[in-house]
Amino acid sequence: MDIPKLPKRPVDGHKGTFGKVLIVGGSVGFSGAAVLAGRSSLRSGSGLVRVAVPESIQPVVAGLEPCYTTIGLSDANGQLSSKAVTGLAKYLPGNDAVAFGPGVGTGPGVKDVLLSLLAVEGLKLIIDADGLNVLSQCGGPGGWLEKKKAAVVLTPHPGEMGRLWKSVFREPMPDDREKCAGRFAEKTDCIIVLKGAKTVVADSERVYVNKSGNPGMATAGSGDVLTGIITALAGQSLSLFDASVLGVYSHGFAGDVASAVHGQISMIATDIIENLHAAFAQATE
């Protein structure tokens, strides 16, 4: 299939024209994950990025990137507390897409916040990292599938996919990655981004297998960067499926450029962010 493209930017555009996104994540010891997701959203064209984190790490997250704004939420032991549900609710209106999960941890308050987001009608929600691990604990009767009203993208690596599969299906997970992603997408009515070599993007009808990227991208924070990219694109008039396909391709393309500069051994996640401009230079109509 053809790689989707972003529309040309109008000369009279403003911040709101290019998407307002919210990244919810971070915890004590894992503030960098939220920073990477926020920074990659900026580099992927979002007009306004806000990063919501536990209030105990807000100064750290704010100090690492001046181009997004931050929100401090109620926390317990360095992770989001259940009280964060109320605090976050007032910031949801007006966002074109929301990401949840980078560095967020798996405490009980995290579960409450995630389930509250899933219940928001029509919310474009991208779930990654610990958000997926929490989700895998919420299967079965009365679980997340029954509560889901948001439009959801799930971005698991193979281990996270295995845990999610067991929470929804009773039969073994297929070894075929395309079949696995397609079956899970059909069952859950989510977009699935099954990460790894030749990342698979699937909904209930379509499957895309990515060809960009290289082994140097197997480095801490790379997945957080991808989350930020997809979230930014989902806020810029693309469907969730198209945002996921273009996001995966652009992530890999930037990784290939970074590899040519730094080599696969020395590449780190911020190198991918700093080369996103090369990917998006050829991703506009």
Protein backbone atom coordinates (compact mmCIF):
# COMPACT_ATOMS: atom_id res chain seq x y z
CA MET A 1 0.00 0.00 0.00
CA ASP A 2 1.06 3.61 -0.53
CA ILE A 3 2.46 5.52 2.44
CA PRO A 4 -0.03 8.24 3.51
CA LYS A 5 1.03 11.87 3.21
CA LEU A 6 0.30 14.96 5.24
CA PRO A 7 -1.55 17.81 3.52
CA LYS A 8 0.44 20.89 2.58
CA ARG A 9 0.36 23.48 5.35
CA PRO A 10 -1.77 26.55 4.65
CA VAL A 11 0.08 29.85 4.76
CA ASP A 12 -2.43 31.24 7.27
CA GLY A 13 -2.16 28.26 9.63
CA HIS A 14 -1.64 28.62 13.39
CA LYS A 15 -0.92 26.30 16.33
CA GLY A 16 -4.46 25.00 16.40
CA THR A 17 -4.38 24.20 12.70
CA PHE A 18 -1.65 21.62 13.19
CA GLY A 19 -3.00 19.71 16.13
CA LYS A 20 -3.11 19.96 19.90
CA VAL A 21 -1.93 16.79 21.61
CA LEU A 22 -1.58 15.57 25.17
CA ILE A 23 1.01 13.04 26.37
CA VAL A 24 0.20 11.35 29.69
CA GLY A 25 3.09 9.43 31.21
CA GLY A 26 6.21 9.49 33.31
CA SER A 27 6.97 8.43 36.87
CA VAL A 28 9.89 8.77 39.26
CA GLY A 29 12.91 7.28 37.50
CA PHE A 30 11.15 7.28 34.12
CA SER A 31 10.67 10.96 33.35
CA GLY A 32 12.69 10.63 30.13
CA ALA A 33 10.03 8.49 28.45
CA ALA A 34 7.46 11.28 28.64
CA VAL A 35 10.06 13.80 27.46
CA LEU A 36 10.92 11.68 24.39
CA ALA A 37 7.26 11.28 23.45
CA GLY A 38 6.59 14.99 23.86
CA ARG A 39 9.68 16.04 21.93
CA SER A 40 8.96 13.64 19.04
CA SER A 41 5.41 14.99 18.82
CA LEU A 42 6.86 18.46 18.39
CA ARG A 43 9.26 17.26 15.68
CA SER A 44 6.35 15.50 13.96
CA GLY A 45 4.45 18.73 13.42
CA SER A 46 2.10 19.19 16.36
CA GLY A 47 1.19 22.82 16.86
CA LEU A 48 0.81 22.46 20.63
CA VAL A 49 2.08 19.66 22.87
CA ARG A 50 1.25 19.29 26.55
CA VAL A 51 2.87 16.64 28.75
CA ALA A 52 0.93 15.54 31.84
CA VAL A 53 3.03 13.81 34.51
CA PRO A 54 2.99 13.15 38.26
CA GLU A 55 3.55 16.47 40.00
CA SER A 56 6.70 15.16 41.71
CA ILE A 57 8.54 14.98 38.37
CA GLN A 58 6.95 17.99 36.64
CA PRO A 59 9.99 20.26 37.22
CA VAL A 60 12.31 17.69 35.65
CA VAL A 61 10.10 17.12 32.61
CA ALA A 62 9.55 20.86 32.13
CA GLY A 63 13.26 21.57 32.36
CA LEU A 64 14.24 19.12 29.64
CA GLU A 65 12.24 20.69 26.79
CA PRO A 66 11.11 24.33 26.55
CA CYS A 67 8.81 23.85 23.54
CA TYR A 68 6.02 21.88 25.21
CA THR A 69 4.01 22.83 28.28
CA THR A 70 3.57 20.57 31.29
CA ILE A 71 0.75 19.60 33.63
CA GLY A 72 1.33 18.27 37.14
CA LEU A 73 -1.11 15.58 38.24
CA SER A 74 -1.75 14.05 41.65
CA ASP A 75 0.70 11.26 42.41
CA ALA A 76 1.30 8.49 44.89
CA ASN A 77 4.82 7.21 45.39
CA GLY A 78 5.98 8.85 42.18
CA GLN A 79 3.23 7.47 39.93
CA LEU A 80 -0.20 8.79 38.99
CA SER A 81 -2.75 8.43 41.77
CA SER A 82 -6.47 7.81 41.38
CA LYS A 83 -7.05 11.51 42.13
CA ALA A 84 -5.32 12.29 38.82
CA VAL A 85 -8.51 11.18 37.04
CA THR A 86 -10.28 14.36 38.15
CA GLY A 87 -7.30 16.59 37.49
CA LEU A 88 -6.75 15.22 34.00
CA ALA A 89 -10.41 15.47 32.96
CA LYS A 90 -10.33 19.26 32.72
CA TYR A 91 -7.41 19.14 30.27
CA LEU A 92 -8.94 16.66 27.82
CA PRO A 93 -11.33 18.96 25.88
CA GLY A 94 -9.75 20.54 22.86
CA ASN A 95 -7.08 17.91 22.28
CA ASP A 96 -6.95 16.31 18.85
CA ALA A 97 -5.16 13.19 20.16
CA VAL A 98 -3.96 11.82 23.49
CA ALA A 99 -1.15 9.35 24.25
CA PHE A 100 -0.94 7.30 27.43
CA GLY A 101 1.79 5.11 28.79
CA PRO A 102 5.43 6.16 28.26
CA GLY A 103 7.14 5.63 31.62
CA VAL A 104 3.85 5.77 33.51
CA GLY A 105 4.31 2.69 35.72
CA THR A 106 1.71 0.10 36.71
CA GLY A 107 0.34 1.32 40.05
CA PRO A 108 -3.39 1.21 40.91
CA GLY A 109 -3.87 4.89 40.13
CA VAL A 110 -2.45 4.35 36.65
CA LYS A 111 -5.15 1.78 35.97
CA ASP A 112 -7.88 4.18 37.09
CA VAL A 113 -6.57 6.96 34.83
CA LEU A 114 -6.31 4.65 31.81
CA LEU A 115 -9.82 3.26 32.21
CA SER A 116 -11.17 6.80 32.54
CA LEU A 117 -9.55 7.74 29.22
CA LEU A 118 -10.86 4.64 27.47
CA ALA A 119 -14.39 5.63 28.50
CA VAL A 120 -14.24 9.03 26.74
CA GLU A 121 -16.48 8.90 23.67
CA GLY A 122 -14.60 9.59 20.43
CA LEU A 123 -11.23 10.34 22.06
CA LYS A 124 -8.26 9.50 19.80
CA LEU A 125 -6.11 7.52 22.23
CA ILE A 126 -2.69 5.97 21.60
CA ILE A 127 -1.62 3.49 24.30
CA ASP A 128 1.97 2.31 24.71
CA ALA A 129 4.47 0.85 27.18
CA ASP A 130 3.17 0.48 30.74
CA GLY A 131 -0.26 1.52 29.51
CA LEU A 132 -0.35 -1.78 27.60
CA ASN A 133 0.83 -3.75 30.63
CA VAL A 134 -1.93 -2.23 32.74
CA LEU A 135 -4.45 -2.92 29.98
CA SER A 136 -3.47 -6.60 29.92
CA GLN A 137 -4.52 -6.79 33.58
CA CYS A 138 -7.99 -5.46 32.77
CA GLY A 139 -9.37 -8.14 30.47
CA GLY A 140 -12.33 -10.44 31.02
CA PRO A 141 -15.95 -9.61 31.95
CA GLY A 142 -16.38 -5.97 32.91
CA GLY A 143 -12.90 -5.23 31.63
CA TRP A 144 -11.50 -2.61 29.29
CA LEU A 145 -13.24 -3.86 26.15
CA GLU A 146 -16.64 -3.27 27.72
CA LYS A 147 -15.61 0.19 28.89
CA LYS A 148 -13.96 1.30 25.65
CA LYS A 149 -15.61 4.22 23.88
CA ALA A 150 -12.42 5.89 22.66
CA ALA A 151 -10.85 5.27 19.25
CA VAL A 152 -7.70 3.40 20.18
CA VAL A 153 -4.25 2.58 18.81
CA LEU A 154 -2.24 -0.06 20.68
CA THR A 155 1.51 -0.18 20.06
CA PRO A 156 2.87 -3.38 21.67
CA HIS A 157 6.24 -5.02 21.23
CA PRO A 158 6.04 -8.86 21.06
CA GLY A 159 6.15 -9.38 24.83
CA GLU A 160 3.39 -6.85 25.44
CA MET A 161 1.38 -8.39 22.60
CA GLY A 162 1.63 -11.78 24.30
CA ARG A 163 0.25 -10.40 27.54
CA LEU A 164 -2.55 -8.56 25.76
CA TRP A 165 -3.46 -11.66 23.77
CA LYS A 166 -3.81 -13.80 26.90
CA SER A 167 -6.11 -11.20 28.43
CA VAL A 168 -8.53 -11.39 25.49
CA PHE A 169 -8.20 -14.84 23.87
CA ARG A 170 -8.13 -18.33 25.32
CA GLU A 171 -6.31 -19.93 22.38
CA PRO A 172 -2.55 -19.60 21.77
CA MET A 173 -1.27 -16.49 19.99
CA PRO A 174 -0.43 -17.13 16.31
CA ASP A 175 3.24 -17.10 15.35
CA ASP A 176 2.35 -15.22 12.16
CA ARG A 177 2.68 -11.53 13.08
CA GLU A 178 0.23 -10.29 10.44
CA LYS A 179 -2.41 -12.80 11.48
CA CYS A 180 -1.85 -11.99 15.16
CA ALA A 181 -2.22 -8.24 14.66
CA GLY A 182 -5.24 -8.64 12.38
CA ARG A 183 -7.06 -11.00 14.73
CA PHE A 184 -6.48 -8.75 17.73
CA ALA A 185 -7.55 -5.66 15.80
CA GLU A 186 -10.78 -7.37 14.72
CA LYS A 187 -11.55 -8.63 18.22
CA THR A 188 -10.91 -5.32 19.98
CA ASP A 189 -11.83 -2.77 17.27
CA CYS A 190 -8.43 -1.13 17.79
CA ILE A 191 -5.57 -0.25 15.46
CA ILE A 192 -2.66 -2.55 16.28
CA VAL A 193 0.96 -1.49 15.77
CA LEU A 194 2.92 -4.69 16.44
CA LYS A 195 6.48 -3.44 16.77
CA GLY A 196 9.70 -5.19 15.81
CA ALA A 197 11.57 -5.95 12.61
CA LYS A 198 8.99 -5.24 9.86
CA THR A 199 6.47 -3.64 12.20
CA VAL A 200 2.87 -4.63 11.38
CA VAL A 201 -0.01 -2.13 11.39
CA ALA A 202 -3.49 -3.64 11.24
CA ASP A 203 -7.14 -2.84 11.63
CA SER A 204 -10.03 -5.24 11.06
CA GLU A 205 -9.66 -5.01 7.27
CA ARG A 206 -6.14 -3.82 6.33
CA VAL A 207 -2.58 -4.83 7.08
CA TYR A 208 0.61 -2.87 6.42
CA VAL A 209 4.10 -4.33 6.90
CA ASN A 210 6.81 -1.72 7.31
CA LYS A 211 10.10 -1.88 5.43
CA SER A 212 12.01 1.08 6.87
CA GLY A 213 14.22 0.90 9.96
CA ASN A 214 17.23 -1.06 11.16
CA PRO A 215 18.54 -3.00 14.21
CA GLY A 216 20.15 0.14 15.65
CA MET A 217 16.66 1.29 16.60
CA ALA A 218 16.46 -1.46 19.23
CA THR A 219 17.44 1.02 21.91
CA ALA A 220 15.73 2.37 25.03
CA GLY A 221 13.25 5.14 24.25
CA SER A 222 12.71 4.27 20.59
CA GLY A 223 9.15 3.14 21.31
CA ASP A 224 8.40 6.36 23.20
CA VAL A 225 9.54 8.30 20.13
CA LEU A 226 7.15 6.29 17.94
CA THR A 227 4.27 7.00 20.32
CA GLY A 228 4.90 10.73 20.03
CA ILE A 229 5.05 10.55 16.24
CA ILE A 230 1.77 8.64 15.84
CA THR A 231 0.03 10.93 18.33
CA ALA A 232 1.18 14.03 16.46
CA LEU A 233 0.02 12.65 13.10
CA ALA A 234 -3.34 11.60 14.54
CA GLY A 235 -3.82 15.25 15.48
CA GLN A 236 -3.16 16.44 11.92
CA SER A 237 -6.23 15.28 9.99
CA LEU A 238 -5.03 11.71 9.38
CA SER A 239 -7.13 8.70 10.33
CA LEU A 240 -5.69 6.57 13.12
CA PHE A 241 -4.72 3.86 10.64
CA ASP A 242 -2.99 6.31 8.29
CA ALA A 243 -1.30 8.07 11.22
CA SER A 244 0.02 4.71 12.41
CA VAL A 245 1.32 3.70 8.97
CA LEU A 246 2.99 7.04 8.28
CA GLY A 247 4.28 7.15 11.85
CA VAL A 248 5.89 3.72 11.66
CA TYR A 249 7.41 4.44 8.25
CA SER A 250 8.73 7.88 9.27
CA HIS A 251 10.14 6.48 12.52
CA GLY A 252 12.06 3.85 10.55
CA PHE A 253 13.16 6.33 7.88
CA ALA A 254 14.56 8.68 10.51
CA GLY A 255 16.28 5.71 12.11
CA ASP A 256 17.90 4.82 8.79
CA VAL A 257 19.21 8.38 8.41
CA ALA A 258 20.47 8.34 12.00
CA SER A 259 22.20 5.03 11.36
CA ALA A 260 24.07 6.49 8.40
CA VAL A 261 25.35 9.28 10.66
CA HIS A 262 26.00 7.50 13.96
CA GLY A 263 26.09 3.81 13.04
CA GLN A 264 23.72 1.20 14.42
CA ILE A 265 25.80 0.53 17.53
CA SER A 266 25.95 4.16 18.70
CA MET A 267 22.42 5.22 17.80
CA ILE A 268 20.17 6.45 20.63
CA ALA A 269 16.51 7.46 20.66
CA THR A 270 17.15 11.19 20.43
CA ASP A 271 19.06 10.58 17.18
CA ILE A 272 15.80 9.34 15.66
CA ILE A 273 13.99 12.50 16.75
CA GLU A 274 16.70 14.74 15.34
CA ASN A 275 16.36 13.11 11.92
CA LEU A 276 12.58 13.18 11.63
CA HIS A 277 12.90 16.26 9.43
CA ALA A 278 14.33 14.02 6.69
CA ALA A 279 11.36 11.68 6.91
CA PHE A 280 8.76 14.43 6.79
CA ALA A 281 10.49 16.27 3.97
CA GLN A 282 9.11 13.61 1.64
CA ALA A 283 5.84 12.94 3.51
CA THR A 284 3.93 16.06 2.43
CA GLU A 285 1.62 16.29 -0.57
